[in-house]
Amino acid sequence: MSAKKILMITGDFTEDYETMVPFQTLLAMGYEVDAVCPGKKAGDTVATCIHDFEGDQTYTEKRGHNFTLNATFAEVDVAAYDALLIPGGRAPEYLRLDAAVLAAVKHFMDENKPVAAICHGAQILTAAKVINGRTVSAYPACRPEVELAGATYADIAIDGAVTDGNLVTAPAWPAHPAWLSQFNAVLKGEAAGALAA
């Protein structure tokens, strides 16, 4: 049986940990992961940023690494992928304005394929209008958008995650162990409401 293929849609100033860690972890678990960005091709890079929690009223932001894309967004056939991953950071703010990004997200949600979003990744879910009636976690500053999109905001610890059927969401990178574990369970068809592999 071939490895499940995961599409990761990212962009400039994506959160460094929320891009690098899931990308590398899912590869290590044996999944195929294609990282893409609208307007860029395989071999191009996106700039990342590091969001940190240092006691201020909101996160701080610093320049991170360059992350190399390994696939070309314009060549992607979403039907060929088993799952979708949406990192946070600042990228979702502009990616949610891209009609092709929103169409891709709608495909995964309409087909009940596993979808994982973290932190500000919820901004793409809200813009795609795919979370009405769902329970969704996100960075707390995204709560109004989540609720305006008709979802219940999961007010959980920063290191927690929530699974609602095919959708796994978390508030920020401290949740990686819970978020990636729950996403892996959905990918394997072991989570409640998940489709069997």
C-alpha atoms as a PDB file:
ATOM      1  CA  MET A   1       0.000   0.000   0.000  1.00  0.00           C
ATOM      2  CA  SER A   2       1.442   3.359  -1.001  1.00  0.00           C
ATOM      3  CA  ALA A   3       1.912   6.129   1.553  1.00  0.00           C
ATOM      4  CA  LYS A   4      -0.886   8.619   2.003  1.00  0.00           C
ATOM      5  CA  LYS A   5      -0.233  11.949   0.312  1.00  0.00           C
ATOM      6  CA  ILE A   6      -0.664  15.160   2.263  1.00  0.00           C
ATOM      7  CA  LEU A   7      -0.865  18.596   0.677  1.00  0.00           C
ATOM      8  CA  MET A   8       0.509  21.444   2.779  1.00  0.00           C
ATOM      9  CA  ILE A   9      -0.508  24.925   1.622  1.00  0.00           C
ATOM     10  CA  THR A  10       1.808  27.569   3.005  1.00  0.00           C
ATOM     11  CA  GLY A  11       3.143  30.987   2.101  1.00  0.00           C
ATOM     12  CA  ASP A  12       5.501  33.792   2.980  1.00  0.00           C
ATOM     13  CA  PHE A  13       5.792  34.455   6.705  1.00  0.00           C
ATOM     14  CA  THR A  14       4.200  31.186   7.632  1.00  0.00           C
ATOM     15  CA  GLU A  15       5.022  30.326  11.250  1.00  0.00           C
ATOM     16  CA  ASP A  16       8.388  28.541  11.260  1.00  0.00           C
ATOM     17  CA  TYR A  17       7.605  25.755  13.764  1.00  0.00           C
ATOM     18  CA  GLU A  18       4.102  25.239  12.375  1.00  0.00           C
ATOM     19  CA  THR A  19       5.594  24.596   8.948  1.00  0.00           C
ATOM     20  CA  MET A  20       8.902  22.825   9.576  1.00  0.00           C
ATOM     21  CA  VAL A  21       7.849  20.554  12.447  1.00  0.00           C
ATOM     22  CA  PRO A  22       4.710  19.034  10.868  1.00  0.00           C
ATOM     23  CA  PHE A  23       6.422  18.736   7.486  1.00  0.00           C
ATOM     24  CA  GLN A  24       9.361  16.800   8.939  1.00  0.00           C
ATOM     25  CA  THR A  25       7.281  14.810  11.428  1.00  0.00           C
ATOM     26  CA  LEU A  26       4.800  13.582   8.837  1.00  0.00           C
ATOM     27  CA  LEU A  27       7.653  12.596   6.507  1.00  0.00           C
ATOM     28  CA  ALA A  28       9.260  10.680   9.385  1.00  0.00           C
ATOM     29  CA  MET A  29       5.933   8.887   9.973  1.00  0.00           C
ATOM     30  CA  GLY A  30       6.036   7.634   6.390  1.00  0.00           C
ATOM     31  CA  TYR A  31       3.608  10.023   4.730  1.00  0.00           C
ATOM     32  CA  GLU A  32       4.329  11.872   1.491  1.00  0.00           C
ATOM     33  CA  VAL A  33       4.037  15.638   2.007  1.00  0.00           C
ATOM     34  CA  ASP A  34       3.954  18.184  -0.806  1.00  0.00           C
ATOM     35  CA  ALA A  35       4.517  21.759   0.387  1.00  0.00           C
ATOM     36  CA  VAL A  36       3.163  24.364  -2.019  1.00  0.00           C
ATOM     37  CA  CYS A  37       2.569  28.107  -2.213  1.00  0.00           C
ATOM     38  CA  PRO A  38       0.482  29.986  -4.794  1.00  0.00           C
ATOM     39  CA  GLY A  39       2.692  31.774  -7.295  1.00  0.00           C
ATOM     40  CA  LYS A  40       5.750  29.648  -6.457  1.00  0.00           C
ATOM     41  CA  LYS A  41       7.182  26.393  -7.752  1.00  0.00           C
ATOM     42  CA  ALA A  42       9.144  23.447  -6.407  1.00  0.00           C
ATOM     43  CA  GLY A  43      12.583  24.626  -5.283  1.00  0.00           C
ATOM     44  CA  ASP A  44      11.395  28.140  -4.421  1.00  0.00           C
ATOM     45  CA  THR A  45      11.373  29.201  -0.789  1.00  0.00           C
ATOM     46  CA  VAL A  46       8.954  30.941   1.516  1.00  0.00           C
ATOM     47  CA  ALA A  47      10.129  33.150   4.347  1.00  0.00           C
ATOM     48  CA  THR A  48       9.059  32.002   7.789  1.00  0.00           C
ATOM     49  CA  CYS A  49       8.485  33.880  11.023  1.00  0.00           C
ATOM     50  CA  ILE A  50       8.716  32.732  14.615  1.00  0.00           C
ATOM     51  CA  HIS A  51       5.810  33.589  16.871  1.00  0.00           C
ATOM     52  CA  ASP A  52       6.809  33.397  20.513  1.00  0.00           C
ATOM     53  CA  PHE A  53       4.993  33.818  23.797  1.00  0.00           C
ATOM     54  CA  GLU A  54       7.120  36.037  26.022  1.00  0.00           C
ATOM     55  CA  GLY A  55       4.654  37.536  28.476  1.00  0.00           C
ATOM     56  CA  ASP A  56       3.344  40.347  26.303  1.00  0.00           C
ATOM     57  CA  GLN A  57      -0.337  40.863  25.547  1.00  0.00           C
ATOM     58  CA  THR A  58       0.133  39.118  22.212  1.00  0.00           C
ATOM     59  CA  TYR A  59       2.833  36.998  20.579  1.00  0.00           C
ATOM     60  CA  THR A  60       6.083  38.501  19.364  1.00  0.00           C
ATOM     61  CA  GLU A  61       7.334  37.907  15.838  1.00  0.00           C
ATOM     62  CA  LYS A  62      10.871  37.345  14.568  1.00  0.00           C
ATOM     63  CA  ARG A  63      12.251  36.348  11.176  1.00  0.00           C
ATOM     64  CA  GLY A  64      12.696  32.601  10.841  1.00  0.00           C
ATOM     65  CA  HIS A  65      14.298  30.291   8.281  1.00  0.00           C
ATOM     66  CA  ASN A  66      13.661  29.970   4.568  1.00  0.00           C
ATOM     67  CA  PHE A  67      11.515  26.898   3.882  1.00  0.00           C
ATOM     68  CA  THR A  68      11.974  25.167   0.528  1.00  0.00           C
ATOM     69  CA  LEU A  69       8.847  24.094  -1.322  1.00  0.00           C
ATOM     70  CA  ASN A  70       8.935  20.633  -2.893  1.00  0.00           C
ATOM     71  CA  ALA A  71       5.971  20.920  -5.274  1.00  0.00           C
ATOM     72  CA  THR A  72       4.358  23.511  -7.531  1.00  0.00           C
ATOM     73  CA  PHE A  73       0.962  24.905  -6.530  1.00  0.00           C
ATOM     74  CA  ALA A  74      -0.182  25.484 -10.118  1.00  0.00           C
ATOM     75  CA  GLU A  75       0.401  21.796 -10.952  1.00  0.00           C
ATOM     76  CA  VAL A  76      -1.429  20.349  -7.950  1.00  0.00           C
ATOM     77  CA  ASP A  77      -4.423  18.058  -8.499  1.00  0.00           C
ATOM     78  CA  VAL A  78      -6.148  18.103  -5.122  1.00  0.00           C
ATOM     79  CA  ALA A  79      -8.009  14.893  -5.959  1.00  0.00           C
ATOM     80  CA  ALA A  80      -4.657  13.071  -5.870  1.00  0.00           C
ATOM     81  CA  TYR A  81      -4.145  13.913  -2.176  1.00  0.00           C
ATOM     82  CA  ASP A  82      -5.510  12.137   0.866  1.00  0.00           C
ATOM     83  CA  ALA A  83      -5.264  15.028   3.339  1.00  0.00           C
ATOM     84  CA  LEU A  84      -4.570  18.741   3.793  1.00  0.00           C
ATOM     85  CA  LEU A  85      -2.398  20.604   6.302  1.00  0.00           C
ATOM     86  CA  ILE A  86      -2.612  24.367   6.887  1.00  0.00           C
ATOM     87  CA  PRO A  87       0.108  25.988   9.034  1.00  0.00           C
ATOM     88  CA  GLY A  88      -0.427  29.306  10.794  1.00  0.00           C
ATOM     89  CA  GLY A  89       1.608  32.465  10.964  1.00  0.00           C
ATOM     90  CA  ARG A  90       0.913  35.493   8.791  1.00  0.00           C
ATOM     91  CA  ALA A  91       0.587  33.575   5.521  1.00  0.00           C
ATOM     92  CA  PRO A  92      -3.086  32.625   6.010  1.00  0.00           C
ATOM     93  CA  GLU A  93      -3.997  36.318   6.085  1.00  0.00           C
ATOM     94  CA  TYR A  94      -3.158  36.678   2.393  1.00  0.00           C
ATOM     95  CA  LEU A  95      -3.629  33.066   1.264  1.00  0.00           C
ATOM     96  CA  ARG A  96      -7.315  33.299   2.188  1.00  0.00           C
ATOM     97  CA  LEU A  97      -7.701  35.861  -0.615  1.00  0.00           C
ATOM     98  CA  ASP A  98      -6.673  33.266  -3.244  1.00  0.00           C
ATOM     99  CA  ALA A  99      -9.674  31.591  -4.913  1.00  0.00           C
ATOM    100  CA  ALA A 100      -7.638  28.486  -5.801  1.00  0.00           C
ATOM    101  CA  VAL A 101      -6.605  28.033  -2.162  1.00  0.00           C
ATOM    102  CA  LEU A 102     -10.219  28.280  -1.030  1.00  0.00           C
ATOM    103  CA  ALA A 103     -11.330  25.826  -3.731  1.00  0.00           C
ATOM    104  CA  ALA A 104      -8.687  23.351  -2.564  1.00  0.00           C
ATOM    105  CA  VAL A 105      -9.839  23.628   1.049  1.00  0.00           C
ATOM    106  CA  LYS A 106     -13.463  23.135  -0.015  1.00  0.00           C
ATOM    107  CA  HIS A 107     -12.474  19.983  -1.909  1.00  0.00           C
ATOM    108  CA  PHE A 108     -10.889  18.384   1.161  1.00  0.00           C
ATOM    109  CA  MET A 109     -13.776  19.324   3.443  1.00  0.00           C
ATOM    110  CA  ASP A 110     -16.501  18.363   0.941  1.00  0.00           C
ATOM    111  CA  GLU A 111     -14.827  14.975   0.387  1.00  0.00           C
ATOM    112  CA  ASN A 112     -14.424  14.445   4.157  1.00  0.00           C
ATOM    113  CA  LYS A 113     -10.668  14.026   3.783  1.00  0.00           C
ATOM    114  CA  PRO A 114      -8.488  14.666   6.855  1.00  0.00           C
ATOM    115  CA  VAL A 115      -7.682  18.358   7.349  1.00  0.00           C
ATOM    116  CA  ALA A 116      -5.334  19.796   9.986  1.00  0.00           C
ATOM    117  CA  ALA A 117      -5.074  23.530  10.669  1.00  0.00           C
ATOM    118  CA  ILE A 118      -3.179  25.297  13.417  1.00  0.00           C
ATOM    119  CA  CYS A 119      -3.140  28.807  14.842  1.00  0.00           C
ATOM    120  CA  HIS A 120      -4.017  31.400  12.161  1.00  0.00           C
ATOM    121  CA  GLY A 121      -4.660  28.588   9.650  1.00  0.00           C
ATOM    122  CA  ALA A 122      -8.272  28.924  10.784  1.00  0.00           C
ATOM    123  CA  GLN A 123      -8.432  32.163   8.774  1.00  0.00           C
ATOM    124  CA  ILE A 124      -8.325  30.073   5.609  1.00  0.00           C
ATOM    125  CA  LEU A 125     -11.028  27.723   6.916  1.00  0.00           C
ATOM    126  CA  THR A 126     -13.294  30.657   7.738  1.00  0.00           C
ATOM    127  CA  ALA A 127     -12.762  32.308   4.348  1.00  0.00           C
ATOM    128  CA  ALA A 128     -13.546  28.996   2.614  1.00  0.00           C
ATOM    129  CA  LYS A 129     -16.842  28.847   4.553  1.00  0.00           C
ATOM    130  CA  VAL A 130     -16.314  25.206   5.559  1.00  0.00           C
ATOM    131  CA  ILE A 131     -16.602  25.209   9.357  1.00  0.00           C
ATOM    132  CA  ASN A 132     -20.230  26.107  10.009  1.00  0.00           C
ATOM    133  CA  GLY A 133     -21.465  23.853  12.816  1.00  0.00           C
ATOM    134  CA  ARG A 134     -17.987  22.512  13.608  1.00  0.00           C
ATOM    135  CA  THR A 135     -15.839  22.810  16.727  1.00  0.00           C
ATOM    136  CA  VAL A 136     -12.587  24.574  15.865  1.00  0.00           C
ATOM    137  CA  SER A 137      -9.511  25.665  17.787  1.00  0.00           C
ATOM    138  CA  ALA A 138      -7.286  28.498  16.622  1.00  0.00           C
ATOM    139  CA  TYR A 139      -5.076  31.189  18.025  1.00  0.00           C
ATOM    140  CA  PRO A 140      -7.338  33.118  20.448  1.00  0.00           C
ATOM    141  CA  ALA A 141      -7.182  36.293  18.300  1.00  0.00           C
ATOM    142  CA  CYS A 142      -8.971  34.308  15.557  1.00  0.00           C
ATOM    143  CA  ARG A 143     -11.916  33.458  17.815  1.00  0.00           C
ATOM    144  CA  PRO A 144     -14.228  36.168  16.367  1.00  0.00           C
ATOM    145  CA  GLU A 145     -13.649  34.894  12.820  1.00  0.00           C
ATOM    146  CA  VAL A 146     -14.259  31.293  13.849  1.00  0.00           C
ATOM    147  CA  GLU A 147     -17.514  32.216  15.563  1.00  0.00           C
ATOM    148  CA  LEU A 148     -18.659  34.503  12.724  1.00  0.00           C
ATOM    149  CA  ALA A 149     -18.133  31.537  10.373  1.00  0.00           C
ATOM    150  CA  GLY A 150     -20.710  29.585  12.398  1.00  0.00           C
ATOM    151  CA  ALA A 151     -18.301  27.348  14.310  1.00  0.00           C
ATOM    152  CA  THR A 152     -17.928  26.770  18.024  1.00  0.00           C
ATOM    153  CA  TYR A 153     -14.574  28.079  19.183  1.00  0.00           C
ATOM    154  CA  ALA A 154     -12.729  25.447  21.248  1.00  0.00           C
ATOM    155  CA  ASP A 155     -11.220  27.446  24.099  1.00  0.00           C
ATOM    156  CA  ILE A 156      -8.534  24.925  25.042  1.00  0.00           C
ATOM    157  CA  ALA A 157      -5.023  25.057  26.505  1.00  0.00           C
ATOM    158  CA  ILE A 158      -2.292  26.296  24.163  1.00  0.00           C
ATOM    159  CA  ASP A 159      -0.850  22.763  24.061  1.00  0.00           C
ATOM    160  CA  GLY A 160      -4.185  21.086  23.290  1.00  0.00           C
ATOM    161  CA  ALA A 161      -5.928  20.102  20.067  1.00  0.00           C
ATOM    162  CA  VAL A 162      -9.452  19.165  19.049  1.00  0.00           C
ATOM    163  CA  THR A 163     -10.762  16.689  16.485  1.00  0.00           C
ATOM    164  CA  ASP A 164     -14.204  17.185  14.951  1.00  0.00           C
ATOM    165  CA  GLY A 165     -14.763  14.445  12.380  1.00  0.00           C
ATOM    166  CA  ASN A 166     -12.158  14.915   9.647  1.00  0.00           C
ATOM    167  CA  LEU A 167     -10.924  18.256  11.039  1.00  0.00           C
ATOM    168  CA  VAL A 168      -8.077  18.584  13.561  1.00  0.00           C
ATOM    169  CA  THR A 169      -7.262  22.046  14.892  1.00  0.00           C
ATOM    170  CA  ALA A 170      -5.020  23.573  17.544  1.00  0.00           C
ATOM    171  CA  PRO A 171      -4.228  27.045  18.918  1.00  0.00           C
ATOM    172  CA  ALA A 172      -0.451  27.257  18.292  1.00  0.00           C
ATOM    173  CA  TRP A 173       2.832  25.331  17.969  1.00  0.00           C
ATOM    174  CA  PRO A 174       3.009  24.237  21.647  1.00  0.00           C
ATOM    175  CA  ALA A 175       0.164  21.881  20.636  1.00  0.00           C
ATOM    176  CA  HIS A 176       2.259  19.923  18.122  1.00  0.00           C
ATOM    177  CA  PRO A 177       2.315  16.651  20.123  1.00  0.00           C
ATOM    178  CA  ALA A 178      -1.479  16.631  20.563  1.00  0.00           C
ATOM    179  CA  TRP A 179      -2.278  18.086  17.134  1.00  0.00           C
ATOM    180  CA  LEU A 180      -0.037  15.777  15.120  1.00  0.00           C
ATOM    181  CA  SER A 181      -1.072  12.750  17.177  1.00  0.00           C
ATOM    182  CA  GLN A 182      -4.745  13.474  16.548  1.00  0.00           C
ATOM    183  CA  PHE A 183      -4.113  14.175  12.859  1.00  0.00           C
ATOM    184  CA  ASN A 184      -2.250  10.876  12.564  1.00  0.00           C
ATOM    185  CA  ALA A 185      -5.227   9.087  14.152  1.00  0.00           C
ATOM    186  CA  VAL A 186      -7.599  10.678  11.620  1.00  0.00           C
ATOM    187  CA  LEU A 187      -5.230   9.778   8.772  1.00  0.00           C
ATOM    188  CA  LYS A 188      -5.246   6.158   9.958  1.00  0.00           C
ATOM    189  CA  GLY A 189      -9.032   6.139  10.362  1.00  0.00           C
ATOM    190  CA  GLU A 190      -8.709   5.611  14.124  1.00  0.00           C
ATOM    191  CA  ALA A 191     -10.371   8.829  15.293  1.00  0.00           C
ATOM    192  CA  ALA A 192     -14.079   9.176  15.947  1.00  0.00           C
ATOM    193  CA  GLY A 193     -15.813  10.255  12.776  1.00  0.00           C
ATOM    194  CA  ALA A 194     -12.802   9.453  10.607  1.00  0.00           C
ATOM    195  CA  LEU A 195     -13.019   7.391   7.474  1.00  0.00           C
ATOM    196  CA  ALA A 196     -11.159   4.092   7.550  1.00  0.00           C
ATOM    197  CA  ALA A 197      -8.026   3.938   5.417  1.00  0.00           C
END
